[in-house]
Amino acid sequence: MIDLKESVLNLSEFESIRLVDLNDITQKEAGKQMQISQSTLSRILKSGRKKIADAIINSKAIKIERYETNTKNLEIIENKLDHSN
């Protein structure tokens, strides 16, 4: 297998992209679901989208980091991921 460089998304970036881009939820509603402000969600979303663009343009693997510095957000996100299957 080819060794690819990685573009690493944290769980907040992953969840914000899932809610806004995949599920077509407004940033305001996504912020409520993640229990963060819309402006914070917007910054997280921008960061995640930039990492995905970097991966696509530069042929990198996308890795989802299972580490989150905000433990409240981690509990919310993991709960949603567990119930989405």
C-alpha atoms as a PDB file:
ATOM      1  CA  MET A   1       0.000   0.000   0.000  1.00  0.00           C
ATOM      2  CA  ILE A   2       1.171   3.531  -0.727  1.00  0.00           C
ATOM      3  CA  ASP A   3       2.187   5.680   2.223  1.00  0.00           C
ATOM      4  CA  LEU A   4       0.153   8.867   1.980  1.00  0.00           C
ATOM      5  CA  LYS A   5       0.582  12.022   3.936  1.00  0.00           C
ATOM      6  CA  GLU A   6      -2.459  12.720   6.092  1.00  0.00           C
ATOM      7  CA  SER A   7      -4.804  15.605   6.569  1.00  0.00           C
ATOM      8  CA  VAL A   8      -6.180  15.188  10.095  1.00  0.00           C
ATOM      9  CA  LEU A   9      -9.673  16.347  11.061  1.00  0.00           C
ATOM     10  CA  ASN A  10     -10.629  16.517  14.716  1.00  0.00           C
ATOM     11  CA  LEU A  11     -14.087  15.386  15.810  1.00  0.00           C
ATOM     12  CA  SER A  12     -15.492  18.917  15.943  1.00  0.00           C
ATOM     13  CA  GLU A  13     -14.436  19.555  12.340  1.00  0.00           C
ATOM     14  CA  PHE A  14     -15.857  16.204  11.277  1.00  0.00           C
ATOM     15  CA  GLU A  15     -19.179  16.794  13.055  1.00  0.00           C
ATOM     16  CA  SER A  16     -19.580  20.355  11.773  1.00  0.00           C
ATOM     17  CA  ILE A  17     -19.018  19.188   8.175  1.00  0.00           C
ATOM     18  CA  ARG A  18     -21.414  16.272   8.661  1.00  0.00           C
ATOM     19  CA  LEU A  19     -24.165  18.502  10.009  1.00  0.00           C
ATOM     20  CA  VAL A  20     -23.800  21.475   7.655  1.00  0.00           C
ATOM     21  CA  ASP A  21     -22.541  19.978   4.395  1.00  0.00           C
ATOM     22  CA  LEU A  22     -23.995  16.469   4.480  1.00  0.00           C
ATOM     23  CA  ASN A  23     -27.228  16.978   6.431  1.00  0.00           C
ATOM     24  CA  ASP A  24     -27.924  20.514   5.130  1.00  0.00           C
ATOM     25  CA  ILE A  25     -28.475  21.953   8.606  1.00  0.00           C
ATOM     26  CA  THR A  26     -27.915  25.694   9.076  1.00  0.00           C
ATOM     27  CA  GLN A  27     -24.819  26.787  10.943  1.00  0.00           C
ATOM     28  CA  LYS A  28     -27.036  28.245  13.653  1.00  0.00           C
ATOM     29  CA  GLU A  29     -28.842  24.923  14.181  1.00  0.00           C
ATOM     30  CA  ALA A  30     -25.604  22.915  13.954  1.00  0.00           C
ATOM     31  CA  GLY A  31     -24.074  25.185  16.600  1.00  0.00           C
ATOM     32  CA  LYS A  32     -27.037  24.505  18.874  1.00  0.00           C
ATOM     33  CA  GLN A  33     -26.703  20.762  18.364  1.00  0.00           C
ATOM     34  CA  MET A  34     -22.974  20.902  19.123  1.00  0.00           C
ATOM     35  CA  GLN A  35     -23.624  23.334  22.001  1.00  0.00           C
ATOM     36  CA  ILE A  36     -21.290  25.991  20.604  1.00  0.00           C
ATOM     37  CA  SER A  37     -21.897  29.438  19.154  1.00  0.00           C
ATOM     38  CA  GLN A  38     -22.529  29.891  15.438  1.00  0.00           C
ATOM     39  CA  SER A  39     -19.314  31.914  15.123  1.00  0.00           C
ATOM     40  CA  THR A  40     -17.292  29.113  16.745  1.00  0.00           C
ATOM     41  CA  LEU A  41     -18.954  26.561  14.475  1.00  0.00           C
ATOM     42  CA  SER A  42     -18.101  28.737  11.471  1.00  0.00           C
ATOM     43  CA  ARG A  43     -14.401  28.766  12.431  1.00  0.00           C
ATOM     44  CA  ILE A  44     -14.382  24.994  12.991  1.00  0.00           C
ATOM     45  CA  LEU A  45     -16.184  24.399   9.683  1.00  0.00           C
ATOM     46  CA  LYS A  46     -13.715  26.603   7.786  1.00  0.00           C
ATOM     47  CA  SER A  47     -10.782  24.722   9.297  1.00  0.00           C
ATOM     48  CA  GLY A  48     -12.267  21.317   8.438  1.00  0.00           C
ATOM     49  CA  ARG A  49     -13.125  22.316   4.879  1.00  0.00           C
ATOM     50  CA  LYS A  50      -9.590  23.634   4.359  1.00  0.00           C
ATOM     51  CA  LYS A  51      -8.128  20.320   5.541  1.00  0.00           C
ATOM     52  CA  ILE A  52     -10.403  18.366   3.189  1.00  0.00           C
ATOM     53  CA  ALA A  53      -9.477  20.640   0.280  1.00  0.00           C
ATOM     54  CA  ASP A  54      -5.783  20.146   1.118  1.00  0.00           C
ATOM     55  CA  ALA A  55      -6.276  16.379   1.106  1.00  0.00           C
ATOM     56  CA  ILE A  56      -8.065  16.407  -2.255  1.00  0.00           C
ATOM     57  CA  ILE A  57      -5.668  18.814  -3.992  1.00  0.00           C
ATOM     58  CA  ASN A  58      -2.491  17.274  -2.564  1.00  0.00           C
ATOM     59  CA  SER A  59      -3.532  13.582  -2.684  1.00  0.00           C
ATOM     60  CA  LYS A  60      -3.506  13.091   1.087  1.00  0.00           C
ATOM     61  CA  ALA A  61      -5.430  10.606   3.170  1.00  0.00           C
ATOM     62  CA  ILE A  62      -8.088  12.062   5.467  1.00  0.00           C
ATOM     63  CA  LYS A  63      -7.788  10.869   9.044  1.00  0.00           C
ATOM     64  CA  ILE A  64     -10.498  11.485  11.656  1.00  0.00           C
ATOM     65  CA  GLU A  65      -8.814  12.092  15.005  1.00  0.00           C
ATOM     66  CA  ARG A  66     -10.695  10.499  17.909  1.00  0.00           C
ATOM     67  CA  TYR A  67      -9.342  13.131  20.279  1.00  0.00           C
ATOM     68  CA  GLU A  68     -11.164  16.258  21.309  1.00  0.00           C
ATOM     69  CA  THR A  69      -9.904  18.875  23.740  1.00  0.00           C
ATOM     70  CA  ASN A  70     -13.427  19.971  24.671  1.00  0.00           C
ATOM     71  CA  THR A  71     -14.784  16.970  26.601  1.00  0.00           C
ATOM     72  CA  LYS A  72     -18.355  18.296  26.513  1.00  0.00           C
ATOM     73  CA  ASN A  73     -18.231  18.396  22.701  1.00  0.00           C
ATOM     74  CA  LEU A  74     -16.620  14.946  22.654  1.00  0.00           C
ATOM     75  CA  GLU A  75     -19.531  13.440  24.613  1.00  0.00           C
ATOM     76  CA  ILE A  76     -22.095  15.084  22.330  1.00  0.00           C
ATOM     77  CA  ILE A  77     -20.316  14.030  19.135  1.00  0.00           C
ATOM     78  CA  GLU A  78     -19.608  10.467  20.238  1.00  0.00           C
ATOM     79  CA  ASN A  79     -23.222  10.057  21.327  1.00  0.00           C
ATOM     80  CA  LYS A  80     -24.421  11.214  17.888  1.00  0.00           C
ATOM     81  CA  LEU A  81     -21.946   8.922  16.112  1.00  0.00           C
ATOM     82  CA  ASP A  82     -23.044   5.935  18.214  1.00  0.00           C
ATOM     83  CA  HIS A  83     -26.704   6.553  17.355  1.00  0.00           C
ATOM     84  CA  SER A  84     -26.173   7.252  13.639  1.00  0.00           C
ATOM     85  CA  ASN A  85     -25.507   3.592  12.806  1.00  0.00           C
END
